[in-house]
Amino acid sequence: MNKTFTVPVEPIHKRRPIAGWWLSFSGYLGIIATTAVWLVSGALAMEGLGELLGFIWYLVTMPVLFLAMPVVIRLISRGRSMRAMTAQDLLKQDSRSAVVFLRSFDDDDLIDPSFTATNQLVPGRYENKLTRVLASIGPVVALGRPGEPHPELGAARLYVKDEHWRQAISDLIDGAALVVAIVGDSPGLWWEIEFSIEKVPIERLLFFFPYPAPLKTRQSYWRTAFLQNPLWGRFLRRKLFPDMEAKRQARYDAFRARINADLPQPLPQTLGEARFIAFSNEGRPIPIKPAKPSLLTRAITLNFNPLLDIPFKKELQPVVSARKNHS
């Protein structure tokens, strides 16, 4: 899809795959080296000073390991960002109609609080999960945050000057296979949602209502790692669930109050357990029935009450199938 934009595109982040690969490799190497130095130094301390003092050495130097981990994780993440394709390059490479990803910039750090996000060192985010699933429909693209030092992982970023962002959104959604929005609370996002409802066929819209983790958790690598851990993290998830669920419902209430009059048919009074709302060709809102991880997955992780877990591929299968059939 060789997309033509009517506004100048800013070449802020040039893709550097080789440098990015080496930076990520350095991060992985840093994890191995830091851990090895800590273990070897402790073993030498035990041998030279005795088991008790050696054990104390392990405890005293352990904070160094914890302090080093977020640093090397950022190297891995930055390396991946350097390898990521820009929206322009992705649209040139992929001939399919695009999937346009809308969100508030304040939600760029929304982590996925489910246990299924733990199969990677870099903390899992909602955007990553959505992008992987929706990429089967078409190239997933988004407008980049102005001035960000490097693009977030997930949707391919398009950068324009601030005065051109509305027209850039118009260019992106023109002919899009799907427009998906993480419903948040910023003036820019409200404009994008209202504009999409006006310009995009209603059956090509998808709205996601996330479970927002506390800000202090999202800003801390170790808090995030603890929350996403499949074993002890489930206790923290249960503790945080009422507040995160209340915030999710509040986002829906604000969305319904603001958007309901613009829709062909009214939204349900309450969101219930649904995390996504799609629409029929006639404009009827369709809350997507929540899916649960398989019983085997829940048994392996001892997670029999997956309140926050969203198996995106399974849950979005009806939407993906419908859009692929019409592309």
C-alpha atoms as a PDB file:
ATOM      1  CA  MET A   1       0.000   0.000   0.000  1.00  0.00           C
ATOM      2  CA  ASN A   2       1.956   2.983  -1.259  1.00  0.00           C
ATOM      3  CA  LYS A   3       0.140   5.540   0.872  1.00  0.00           C
ATOM      4  CA  THR A   4       0.267   9.176  -0.170  1.00  0.00           C
ATOM      5  CA  PHE A   5       0.238  11.800   2.566  1.00  0.00           C
ATOM      6  CA  THR A   6      -0.975  15.340   2.009  1.00  0.00           C
ATOM      7  CA  VAL A   7       1.253  16.723   4.783  1.00  0.00           C
ATOM      8  CA  PRO A   8       5.056  16.681   5.126  1.00  0.00           C
ATOM      9  CA  VAL A   9       6.304  13.635   7.024  1.00  0.00           C
ATOM     10  CA  GLU A  10       9.100  14.322   9.494  1.00  0.00           C
ATOM     11  CA  PRO A  11      12.090  11.946   9.166  1.00  0.00           C
ATOM     12  CA  ILE A  12      12.656  11.933  12.936  1.00  0.00           C
ATOM     13  CA  HIS A  13      13.611   8.302  13.440  1.00  0.00           C
ATOM     14  CA  LYS A  14      15.599   6.629  10.721  1.00  0.00           C
ATOM     15  CA  ARG A  15      15.591   2.853  10.897  1.00  0.00           C
ATOM     16  CA  ARG A  16      18.995   1.420  11.896  1.00  0.00           C
ATOM     17  CA  PRO A  17      18.602  -2.360  12.048  1.00  0.00           C
ATOM     18  CA  ILE A  18      22.271  -3.303  12.457  1.00  0.00           C
ATOM     19  CA  ALA A  19      22.966  -0.754  15.206  1.00  0.00           C
ATOM     20  CA  GLY A  20      19.694  -1.736  16.872  1.00  0.00           C
ATOM     21  CA  TRP A  21      20.589  -5.415  16.817  1.00  0.00           C
ATOM     22  CA  TRP A  22      23.960  -4.710  18.415  1.00  0.00           C
ATOM     23  CA  LEU A  23      22.373  -2.522  21.089  1.00  0.00           C
ATOM     24  CA  SER A  24      19.868  -5.238  22.013  1.00  0.00           C
ATOM     25  CA  PHE A  25      22.671  -7.805  21.983  1.00  0.00           C
ATOM     26  CA  SER A  26      24.632  -5.575  24.361  1.00  0.00           C
ATOM     27  CA  GLY A  27      21.635  -5.529  26.678  1.00  0.00           C
ATOM     28  CA  TYR A  28      21.358  -9.321  26.743  1.00  0.00           C
ATOM     29  CA  LEU A  29      25.119  -9.548  27.211  1.00  0.00           C
ATOM     30  CA  GLY A  30      24.843  -7.074  30.086  1.00  0.00           C
ATOM     31  CA  ILE A  31      22.302  -9.271  31.849  1.00  0.00           C
ATOM     32  CA  ILE A  32      24.549 -12.309  31.522  1.00  0.00           C
ATOM     33  CA  ALA A  33      27.707 -10.439  32.526  1.00  0.00           C
ATOM     34  CA  THR A  34      26.164  -8.677  35.528  1.00  0.00           C
ATOM     35  CA  THR A  35      24.645 -11.888  36.840  1.00  0.00           C
ATOM     36  CA  ALA A  36      27.876 -13.821  36.259  1.00  0.00           C
ATOM     37  CA  VAL A  37      30.011 -11.206  38.048  1.00  0.00           C
ATOM     38  CA  TRP A  38      27.613 -11.217  41.015  1.00  0.00           C
ATOM     39  CA  LEU A  39      27.631 -15.015  41.279  1.00  0.00           C
ATOM     40  CA  VAL A  40      31.403 -15.377  40.829  1.00  0.00           C
ATOM     41  CA  SER A  41      32.220 -12.576  43.270  1.00  0.00           C
ATOM     42  CA  GLY A  42      29.958 -14.183  45.856  1.00  0.00           C
ATOM     43  CA  ALA A  43      31.567 -17.570  45.322  1.00  0.00           C
ATOM     44  CA  LEU A  44      35.036 -16.056  45.735  1.00  0.00           C
ATOM     45  CA  ALA A  45      33.896 -14.270  48.881  1.00  0.00           C
ATOM     46  CA  MET A  46      32.633 -17.553  50.322  1.00  0.00           C
ATOM     47  CA  GLU A  47      35.908 -19.245  49.490  1.00  0.00           C
ATOM     48  CA  GLY A  48      38.103 -16.488  50.903  1.00  0.00           C
ATOM     49  CA  LEU A  49      36.028 -15.177  53.794  1.00  0.00           C
ATOM     50  CA  GLY A  50      33.915 -18.142  54.762  1.00  0.00           C
ATOM     51  CA  GLU A  51      30.344 -19.145  54.038  1.00  0.00           C
ATOM     52  CA  LEU A  52      28.715 -16.658  56.400  1.00  0.00           C
ATOM     53  CA  LEU A  53      30.584 -13.603  55.145  1.00  0.00           C
ATOM     54  CA  GLY A  54      30.220 -14.843  51.584  1.00  0.00           C
ATOM     55  CA  PHE A  55      26.459 -15.084  52.037  1.00  0.00           C
ATOM     56  CA  ILE A  56      26.427 -11.566  53.486  1.00  0.00           C
ATOM     57  CA  TRP A  57      28.383 -10.434  50.418  1.00  0.00           C
ATOM     58  CA  TYR A  58      25.660 -11.871  48.195  1.00  0.00           C
ATOM     59  CA  LEU A  59      23.004  -9.939  50.109  1.00  0.00           C
ATOM     60  CA  VAL A  60      24.959  -6.679  50.187  1.00  0.00           C
ATOM     61  CA  THR A  61      25.731  -6.715  46.446  1.00  0.00           C
ATOM     62  CA  MET A  62      22.289  -7.897  45.314  1.00  0.00           C
ATOM     63  CA  PRO A  63      20.944  -4.303  44.962  1.00  0.00           C
ATOM     64  CA  VAL A  64      23.558  -3.732  42.243  1.00  0.00           C
ATOM     65  CA  LEU A  65      21.902  -6.497  40.246  1.00  0.00           C
ATOM     66  CA  PHE A  66      18.476  -4.926  40.730  1.00  0.00           C
ATOM     67  CA  LEU A  67      19.738  -1.473  39.764  1.00  0.00           C
ATOM     68  CA  ALA A  68      21.504  -2.774  36.654  1.00  0.00           C
ATOM     69  CA  MET A  69      18.540  -4.746  35.295  1.00  0.00           C
ATOM     70  CA  PRO A  70      16.321  -1.777  34.240  1.00  0.00           C
ATOM     71  CA  VAL A  71      19.313  -0.193  32.500  1.00  0.00           C
ATOM     72  CA  VAL A  72      20.115  -3.209  30.337  1.00  0.00           C
ATOM     73  CA  ILE A  73      16.399  -3.798  29.650  1.00  0.00           C
ATOM     74  CA  ARG A  74      16.207  -0.267  28.273  1.00  0.00           C
ATOM     75  CA  LEU A  75      19.116  -1.122  25.955  1.00  0.00           C
ATOM     76  CA  ILE A  76      17.202  -4.126  24.622  1.00  0.00           C
ATOM     77  CA  SER A  77      14.057  -2.040  24.157  1.00  0.00           C
ATOM     78  CA  ARG A  78      15.938   0.821  22.490  1.00  0.00           C
ATOM     79  CA  GLY A  79      17.612  -1.611  20.122  1.00  0.00           C
ATOM     80  CA  ARG A  80      14.241  -2.999  19.086  1.00  0.00           C
ATOM     81  CA  SER A  81      12.961   0.535  18.504  1.00  0.00           C
ATOM     82  CA  MET A  82      15.937   1.260  16.263  1.00  0.00           C
ATOM     83  CA  ARG A  83      15.060  -1.823  14.198  1.00  0.00           C
ATOM     84  CA  ALA A  84      11.369  -0.924  13.930  1.00  0.00           C
ATOM     85  CA  MET A  85      10.034   0.142  10.550  1.00  0.00           C
ATOM     86  CA  THR A  86       8.499   3.571  10.102  1.00  0.00           C
ATOM     87  CA  ALA A  87       4.858   3.813   9.040  1.00  0.00           C
ATOM     88  CA  GLN A  88       5.910   5.059   5.618  1.00  0.00           C
ATOM     89  CA  ASP A  89       8.223   2.101   5.006  1.00  0.00           C
ATOM     90  CA  LEU A  90       5.706  -0.412   6.328  1.00  0.00           C
ATOM     91  CA  LEU A  91       2.919   0.936   4.125  1.00  0.00           C
ATOM     92  CA  LYS A  92       5.194   0.773   1.083  1.00  0.00           C
ATOM     93  CA  GLN A  93       6.153  -2.812   1.870  1.00  0.00           C
ATOM     94  CA  ASP A  94       2.657  -4.114   2.709  1.00  0.00           C
ATOM     95  CA  SER A  95       0.011  -3.743   0.009  1.00  0.00           C
ATOM     96  CA  ARG A  96      -2.950  -4.365   2.317  1.00  0.00           C
ATOM     97  CA  SER A  97      -5.172  -1.629   3.717  1.00  0.00           C
ATOM     98  CA  ALA A  98      -3.878  -0.291   7.023  1.00  0.00           C
ATOM     99  CA  VAL A  99      -5.062  -0.781  10.579  1.00  0.00           C
ATOM    100  CA  VAL A 100      -4.928   2.633  12.257  1.00  0.00           C
ATOM    101  CA  PHE A 101      -4.150   2.664  15.965  1.00  0.00           C
ATOM    102  CA  LEU A 102      -5.482   5.590  18.002  1.00  0.00           C
ATOM    103  CA  ARG A 103      -4.673   6.336  21.629  1.00  0.00           C
ATOM    104  CA  SER A 104      -3.856   9.127  24.031  1.00  0.00           C
ATOM    105  CA  PHE A 105      -0.106   9.702  24.248  1.00  0.00           C
ATOM    106  CA  ASP A 106      -0.536   9.393  28.015  1.00  0.00           C
ATOM    107  CA  ASP A 107      -1.541   5.758  27.410  1.00  0.00           C
ATOM    108  CA  ASP A 108       1.630   4.843  25.513  1.00  0.00           C
ATOM    109  CA  ASP A 109       2.921   3.188  28.687  1.00  0.00           C
ATOM    110  CA  LEU A 110      -0.197   1.124  29.414  1.00  0.00           C
ATOM    111  CA  ILE A 111       1.235  -2.234  30.444  1.00  0.00           C
ATOM    112  CA  ASP A 112      -0.610  -5.495  30.036  1.00  0.00           C
ATOM    113  CA  PRO A 113      -1.180  -6.635  33.637  1.00  0.00           C
ATOM    114  CA  SER A 114      -1.932 -10.234  32.688  1.00  0.00           C
ATOM    115  CA  PHE A 115       0.343 -13.196  33.338  1.00  0.00           C
ATOM    116  CA  THR A 116       0.537 -13.837  29.593  1.00  0.00           C
ATOM    117  CA  ALA A 117       2.815 -10.791  29.234  1.00  0.00           C
ATOM    118  CA  THR A 118       5.703 -12.440  31.063  1.00  0.00           C
ATOM    119  CA  ASN A 119       7.346 -14.349  28.222  1.00  0.00           C
ATOM    120  CA  GLN A 120       9.684 -11.450  27.490  1.00  0.00           C
ATOM    121  CA  LEU A 121      12.230  -9.337  29.336  1.00  0.00           C
ATOM    122  CA  VAL A 122      10.871  -6.039  28.042  1.00  0.00           C
ATOM    123  CA  PRO A 123       7.578  -5.357  29.887  1.00  0.00           C
ATOM    124  CA  GLY A 124       4.538  -6.273  27.812  1.00  0.00           C
ATOM    125  CA  ARG A 125       2.189  -3.456  26.810  1.00  0.00           C
ATOM    126  CA  TYR A 126      -1.350  -3.500  25.485  1.00  0.00           C
ATOM    127  CA  GLU A 127      -0.195  -1.916  22.249  1.00  0.00           C
ATOM    128  CA  ASN A 128       2.228  -4.758  21.524  1.00  0.00           C
ATOM    129  CA  LYS A 129      -0.474  -7.383  22.014  1.00  0.00           C
ATOM    130  CA  LEU A 130      -2.998  -5.530  19.867  1.00  0.00           C
ATOM    131  CA  THR A 131      -0.472  -4.925  17.103  1.00  0.00           C
ATOM    132  CA  ARG A 132       0.522  -8.586  16.873  1.00  0.00           C
ATOM    133  CA  VAL A 133      -3.103  -9.687  16.516  1.00  0.00           C
ATOM    134  CA  LEU A 134      -4.300  -6.921  14.198  1.00  0.00           C
ATOM    135  CA  ALA A 135      -1.266  -7.234  11.892  1.00  0.00           C
ATOM    136  CA  SER A 136      -3.019 -10.231  10.329  1.00  0.00           C
ATOM    137  CA  ILE A 137      -5.547  -7.731   8.896  1.00  0.00           C
ATOM    138  CA  GLY A 138      -3.063  -5.171   7.626  1.00  0.00           C
ATOM    139  CA  PRO A 139      -0.046  -3.019   8.557  1.00  0.00           C
ATOM    140  CA  VAL A 140      -0.678  -1.388  11.942  1.00  0.00           C
ATOM    141  CA  VAL A 141       0.270   2.294  11.991  1.00  0.00           C
ATOM    142  CA  ALA A 142      -0.097   5.189  14.425  1.00  0.00           C
ATOM    143  CA  LEU A 143       0.821   8.816  14.797  1.00  0.00           C
ATOM    144  CA  GLY A 144       4.009   9.241  16.820  1.00  0.00           C
ATOM    145  CA  ARG A 145       4.327  11.447  19.875  1.00  0.00           C
ATOM    146  CA  PRO A 146       6.090  14.689  18.882  1.00  0.00           C
ATOM    147  CA  GLY A 147       9.605  14.899  20.275  1.00  0.00           C
ATOM    148  CA  GLU A 148       9.837  11.375  21.652  1.00  0.00           C
ATOM    149  CA  PRO A 149      13.475  10.174  21.670  1.00  0.00           C
ATOM    150  CA  HIS A 150      12.589   6.848  20.068  1.00  0.00           C
ATOM    151  CA  PRO A 151       9.349   5.180  18.910  1.00  0.00           C
ATOM    152  CA  GLU A 152       7.413   2.907  21.224  1.00  0.00           C
ATOM    153  CA  LEU A 153       7.274  -0.754  20.251  1.00  0.00           C
ATOM    154  CA  GLY A 154       4.075  -1.810  18.533  1.00  0.00           C
ATOM    155  CA  ALA A 155       2.374   0.132  15.757  1.00  0.00           C
ATOM    156  CA  ALA A 156       4.701   1.707  13.184  1.00  0.00           C
ATOM    157  CA  ARG A 157       4.960   5.449  13.818  1.00  0.00           C
ATOM    158  CA  LEU A 158       4.320   8.349  11.478  1.00  0.00           C
ATOM    159  CA  TYR A 159       5.723  11.714  12.569  1.00  0.00           C
ATOM    160  CA  VAL A 160       4.405  15.094  11.464  1.00  0.00           C
ATOM    161  CA  LYS A 161       4.618  18.605  12.845  1.00  0.00           C
ATOM    162  CA  ASP A 162       2.021  19.456  15.453  1.00  0.00           C
ATOM    163  CA  GLU A 163       0.056  21.731  13.131  1.00  0.00           C
ATOM    164  CA  HIS A 164      -0.449  18.839  10.687  1.00  0.00           C
ATOM    165  CA  TRP A 165      -1.608  16.060  13.018  1.00  0.00           C
ATOM    166  CA  ARG A 166      -5.332  16.287  12.213  1.00  0.00           C
ATOM    167  CA  GLN A 167      -4.722  16.068   8.492  1.00  0.00           C
ATOM    168  CA  ALA A 168      -2.278  13.193   9.068  1.00  0.00           C
ATOM    169  CA  ILE A 169      -5.003  11.275  10.929  1.00  0.00           C
ATOM    170  CA  SER A 170      -7.361  11.981   8.037  1.00  0.00           C
ATOM    171  CA  ASP A 171      -4.784  10.613   5.589  1.00  0.00           C
ATOM    172  CA  LEU A 172      -4.199   7.496   7.696  1.00  0.00           C
ATOM    173  CA  ILE A 173      -7.852   6.514   8.169  1.00  0.00           C
ATOM    174  CA  ASP A 174      -8.738   7.119   4.518  1.00  0.00           C
ATOM    175  CA  GLY A 175      -9.377   3.604   3.203  1.00  0.00           C
ATOM    176  CA  ALA A 176      -8.283   1.906   6.442  1.00  0.00           C
ATOM    177  CA  ALA A 177      -9.307  -1.709   6.955  1.00  0.00           C
ATOM    178  CA  LEU A 178      -9.870  -1.018  10.648  1.00  0.00           C
ATOM    179  CA  VAL A 179      -9.540   1.875  13.075  1.00  0.00           C
ATOM    180  CA  VAL A 180      -8.925   0.722  16.643  1.00  0.00           C
ATOM    181  CA  ALA A 181      -8.798   3.084  19.601  1.00  0.00           C
ATOM    182  CA  ILE A 182      -7.696   2.592  23.174  1.00  0.00           C
ATOM    183  CA  VAL A 183     -10.342   4.741  24.810  1.00  0.00           C
ATOM    184  CA  GLY A 184      -8.729   7.319  27.057  1.00  0.00           C
ATOM    185  CA  ASP A 185      -9.240  10.904  28.098  1.00  0.00           C
ATOM    186  CA  SER A 186      -7.416  13.539  26.097  1.00  0.00           C
ATOM    187  CA  PRO A 187      -8.809  16.232  23.795  1.00  0.00           C
ATOM    188  CA  GLY A 188      -6.765  14.982  20.849  1.00  0.00           C
ATOM    189  CA  LEU A 189      -8.050  11.433  21.204  1.00  0.00           C
ATOM    190  CA  TRP A 190     -11.670  12.613  21.500  1.00  0.00           C
ATOM    191  CA  TRP A 191     -11.245  14.506  18.244  1.00  0.00           C
ATOM    192  CA  GLU A 192      -9.763  11.438  16.546  1.00  0.00           C
ATOM    193  CA  ILE A 193     -12.611   9.217  17.765  1.00  0.00           C
ATOM    194  CA  GLU A 194     -15.344  11.647  16.718  1.00  0.00           C
ATOM    195  CA  PHE A 195     -13.663  12.207  13.356  1.00  0.00           C
ATOM    196  CA  SER A 196     -13.375   8.446  12.779  1.00  0.00           C
ATOM    197  CA  ILE A 197     -17.051   7.906  13.589  1.00  0.00           C
ATOM    198  CA  GLU A 198     -17.916  10.577  11.038  1.00  0.00           C
ATOM    199  CA  LYS A 199     -15.571   9.429   8.258  1.00  0.00           C
ATOM    200  CA  VAL A 200     -15.068   5.653   8.653  1.00  0.00           C
ATOM    201  CA  PRO A 201     -17.714   2.988   7.923  1.00  0.00           C
ATOM    202  CA  ILE A 202     -19.046   2.045  11.344  1.00  0.00           C
ATOM    203  CA  GLU A 203     -18.239  -1.661  10.945  1.00  0.00           C
ATOM    204  CA  ARG A 204     -14.553  -0.742  10.628  1.00  0.00           C
ATOM    205  CA  LEU A 205     -14.337   0.735  14.114  1.00  0.00           C
ATOM    206  CA  LEU A 206     -13.145  -1.074  17.232  1.00  0.00           C
ATOM    207  CA  PHE A 207     -12.905   0.417  20.725  1.00  0.00           C
ATOM    208  CA  PHE A 208     -10.825  -1.075  23.531  1.00  0.00           C
ATOM    209  CA  PHE A 209     -11.381  -0.337  27.220  1.00  0.00           C
ATOM    210  CA  PRO A 210      -8.211  -1.298  29.103  1.00  0.00           C
ATOM    211  CA  TYR A 211      -7.414  -1.999  32.734  1.00  0.00           C
ATOM    212  CA  PRO A 212      -5.087   0.931  33.539  1.00  0.00           C
ATOM    213  CA  ALA A 213      -2.366  -0.046  36.001  1.00  0.00           C
ATOM    214  CA  PRO A 214      -1.344   2.614  38.570  1.00  0.00           C
ATOM    215  CA  LEU A 215       1.011   5.237  37.182  1.00  0.00           C
ATOM    216  CA  LYS A 216       3.747   4.446  39.708  1.00  0.00           C
ATOM    217  CA  THR A 217       3.648   0.807  38.562  1.00  0.00           C
ATOM    218  CA  ARG A 218       3.886   1.721  34.886  1.00  0.00           C
ATOM    219  CA  GLN A 219       6.869   3.989  35.565  1.00  0.00           C
ATOM    220  CA  SER A 220       8.854   1.318  37.426  1.00  0.00           C
ATOM    221  CA  TYR A 221      10.438  -1.692  35.755  1.00  0.00           C
ATOM    222  CA  TRP A 222      10.399  -3.799  38.915  1.00  0.00           C
ATOM    223  CA  ARG A 223       6.826  -2.900  39.862  1.00  0.00           C
ATOM    224  CA  THR A 224       5.760  -3.863  36.346  1.00  0.00           C
ATOM    225  CA  ALA A 225       7.780  -7.090  36.432  1.00  0.00           C
ATOM    226  CA  PHE A 226       6.217  -7.997  39.765  1.00  0.00           C
ATOM    227  CA  LEU A 227       2.695  -7.293  38.491  1.00  0.00           C
ATOM    228  CA  GLN A 228       3.230  -9.359  35.341  1.00  0.00           C
ATOM    229  CA  ASN A 229       4.870 -12.302  37.084  1.00  0.00           C
ATOM    230  CA  PRO A 230       2.759 -15.458  36.587  1.00  0.00           C
ATOM    231  CA  LEU A 231       3.217 -16.686  40.173  1.00  0.00           C
ATOM    232  CA  TRP A 232       3.364 -13.981  42.833  1.00  0.00           C
ATOM    233  CA  GLY A 233       1.977 -11.310  40.500  1.00  0.00           C
ATOM    234  CA  ARG A 234      -1.488 -12.816  40.667  1.00  0.00           C
ATOM    235  CA  PHE A 235      -1.834 -11.715  44.309  1.00  0.00           C
ATOM    236  CA  LEU A 236      -1.017  -8.127  43.374  1.00  0.00           C
ATOM    237  CA  ARG A 237      -3.421  -8.289  40.417  1.00  0.00           C
ATOM    238  CA  ARG A 238      -6.246  -9.339  42.721  1.00  0.00           C
ATOM    239  CA  LYS A 239      -5.446  -6.452  45.052  1.00  0.00           C
ATOM    240  CA  LEU A 240      -5.342  -3.899  42.222  1.00  0.00           C
ATOM    241  CA  PHE A 241      -8.284  -5.284  40.247  1.00  0.00           C
ATOM    242  CA  PRO A 242     -11.109  -3.269  41.905  1.00  0.00           C
ATOM    243  CA  ASP A 243      -9.378   0.058  41.204  1.00  0.00           C
ATOM    244  CA  MET A 244      -8.350  -0.898  37.660  1.00  0.00           C
ATOM    245  CA  GLU A 245     -11.851  -2.190  36.911  1.00  0.00           C
ATOM    246  CA  ALA A 246     -13.379   1.032  38.222  1.00  0.00           C
ATOM    247  CA  LYS A 247     -11.088   3.081  35.955  1.00  0.00           C
ATOM    248  CA  ARG A 248     -12.023   0.895  32.965  1.00  0.00           C
ATOM    249  CA  GLN A 249     -15.729   1.394  33.620  1.00  0.00           C
ATOM    250  CA  ALA A 250     -15.176   5.138  34.088  1.00  0.00           C
ATOM    251  CA  ARG A 251     -13.580   5.303  30.652  1.00  0.00           C
ATOM    252  CA  TYR A 252     -16.626   3.619  29.178  1.00  0.00           C
ATOM    253  CA  ASP A 253     -19.034   5.948  30.985  1.00  0.00           C
ATOM    254  CA  ALA A 254     -17.182   8.997  29.654  1.00  0.00           C
ATOM    255  CA  PHE A 255     -17.072   7.445  26.175  1.00  0.00           C
ATOM    256  CA  ARG A 256     -20.800   6.701  26.186  1.00  0.00           C
ATOM    257  CA  ALA A 257     -21.700  10.166  27.461  1.00  0.00           C
ATOM    258  CA  ARG A 258     -19.663  11.868  24.773  1.00  0.00           C
ATOM    259  CA  ILE A 259     -20.085   9.575  21.754  1.00  0.00           C
ATOM    260  CA  ASN A 260     -23.558   8.073  22.079  1.00  0.00           C
ATOM    261  CA  ALA A 261     -25.318  10.827  20.150  1.00  0.00           C
ATOM    262  CA  ASP A 262     -22.927  10.416  17.202  1.00  0.00           C
ATOM    263  CA  LEU A 263     -23.671   6.710  16.710  1.00  0.00           C
ATOM    264  CA  PRO A 264     -26.412   5.184  14.516  1.00  0.00           C
ATOM    265  CA  GLN A 265     -27.627   3.117  17.476  1.00  0.00           C
ATOM    266  CA  PRO A 266     -27.064   3.757  21.205  1.00  0.00           C
ATOM    267  CA  LEU A 267     -24.396   2.040  23.234  1.00  0.00           C
ATOM    268  CA  PRO A 268     -25.340  -0.330  26.068  1.00  0.00           C
ATOM    269  CA  GLN A 269     -26.001   1.340  29.415  1.00  0.00           C
ATOM    270  CA  THR A 270     -23.088  -0.545  30.977  1.00  0.00           C
ATOM    271  CA  LEU A 271     -19.970  -2.171  29.603  1.00  0.00           C
ATOM    272  CA  GLY A 272     -20.274  -5.296  31.737  1.00  0.00           C
ATOM    273  CA  GLU A 273     -17.325  -7.639  31.363  1.00  0.00           C
ATOM    274  CA  ALA A 274     -16.653  -6.723  27.722  1.00  0.00           C
ATOM    275  CA  ARG A 275     -13.286  -5.176  26.893  1.00  0.00           C
ATOM    276  CA  PHE A 276     -14.021  -4.376  23.230  1.00  0.00           C
ATOM    277  CA  ILE A 277     -16.962  -2.900  21.353  1.00  0.00           C
ATOM    278  CA  ALA A 278     -17.325  -3.449  17.617  1.00  0.00           C
ATOM    279  CA  PHE A 279     -20.243  -2.593  15.316  1.00  0.00           C
ATOM    280  CA  SER A 280     -22.432  -4.343  12.778  1.00  0.00           C
ATOM    281  CA  ASN A 281     -22.881  -2.970   9.265  1.00  0.00           C
ATOM    282  CA  GLU A 282     -26.102  -1.330  10.472  1.00  0.00           C
ATOM    283  CA  GLY A 283     -24.299   0.392  13.339  1.00  0.00           C
ATOM    284  CA  ARG A 284     -25.462  -1.884  16.148  1.00  0.00           C
ATOM    285  CA  PRO A 285     -22.889  -1.889  18.975  1.00  0.00           C
ATOM    286  CA  ILE A 286     -21.473  -5.364  19.620  1.00  0.00           C
ATOM    287  CA  PRO A 287     -19.762  -5.833  22.996  1.00  0.00           C
ATOM    288  CA  ILE A 288     -17.284  -8.641  22.339  1.00  0.00           C
ATOM    289  CA  LYS A 289     -17.715 -11.519  24.739  1.00  0.00           C
ATOM    290  CA  PRO A 290     -14.637 -11.840  26.978  1.00  0.00           C
ATOM    291  CA  ALA A 291     -12.469 -14.889  26.383  1.00  0.00           C
ATOM    292  CA  LYS A 292     -10.425 -16.647  29.020  1.00  0.00           C
ATOM    293  CA  PRO A 293      -7.023 -18.303  28.703  1.00  0.00           C
ATOM    294  CA  SER A 294      -7.241 -22.041  28.208  1.00  0.00           C
ATOM    295  CA  LEU A 295      -7.773 -24.253  31.230  1.00  0.00           C
ATOM    296  CA  LEU A 296      -4.326 -25.785  30.624  1.00  0.00           C
ATOM    297  CA  THR A 297      -2.683 -22.341  30.713  1.00  0.00           C
ATOM    298  CA  ARG A 298      -4.530 -21.443  33.890  1.00  0.00           C
ATOM    299  CA  ALA A 299      -3.551 -24.743  35.484  1.00  0.00           C
ATOM    300  CA  ILE A 300       0.139 -24.355  34.607  1.00  0.00           C
ATOM    301  CA  THR A 301       0.241 -20.850  36.084  1.00  0.00           C
ATOM    302  CA  LEU A 302      -2.118 -21.660  38.982  1.00  0.00           C
ATOM    303  CA  ASN A 303      -4.169 -18.700  37.763  1.00  0.00           C
ATOM    304  CA  PHE A 304      -7.751 -19.925  38.054  1.00  0.00           C
ATOM    305  CA  ASN A 305      -9.253 -16.451  38.458  1.00  0.00           C
ATOM    306  CA  PRO A 306      -7.831 -14.487  35.493  1.00  0.00           C
ATOM    307  CA  LEU A 307      -9.645 -11.224  36.160  1.00  0.00           C
ATOM    308  CA  LEU A 308      -7.313  -9.010  34.132  1.00  0.00           C
ATOM    309  CA  ASP A 309      -6.154 -11.479  31.496  1.00  0.00           C
ATOM    310  CA  ILE A 310      -7.088 -10.840  27.879  1.00  0.00           C
ATOM    311  CA  PRO A 311      -6.211 -13.541  25.311  1.00  0.00           C
ATOM    312  CA  PHE A 312      -6.260 -11.008  22.472  1.00  0.00           C
ATOM    313  CA  LYS A 313      -5.981 -13.465  19.591  1.00  0.00           C
ATOM    314  CA  LYS A 314      -8.868 -15.569  20.864  1.00  0.00           C
ATOM    315  CA  GLU A 315     -11.054 -12.630  21.884  1.00  0.00           C
ATOM    316  CA  LEU A 316     -10.565 -10.647  18.677  1.00  0.00           C
ATOM    317  CA  GLN A 317     -10.904 -13.615  16.333  1.00  0.00           C
ATOM    318  CA  PRO A 318     -14.430 -12.587  15.150  1.00  0.00           C
ATOM    319  CA  VAL A 319     -13.246  -9.052  14.331  1.00  0.00           C
ATOM    320  CA  VAL A 320     -10.091 -10.250  12.573  1.00  0.00           C
ATOM    321  CA  SER A 321     -12.012 -12.800  10.514  1.00  0.00           C
ATOM    322  CA  ALA A 322     -14.655 -10.274   9.508  1.00  0.00           C
ATOM    323  CA  ARG A 323     -12.143  -7.657   8.396  1.00  0.00           C
ATOM    324  CA  LYS A 324      -9.924 -10.148   6.539  1.00  0.00           C
ATOM    325  CA  ASN A 325     -12.961 -11.403   4.639  1.00  0.00           C
ATOM    326  CA  HIS A 326     -13.780  -7.866   3.519  1.00  0.00           C
ATOM    327  CA  SER A 327     -10.261  -6.755   2.672  1.00  0.00           C
END
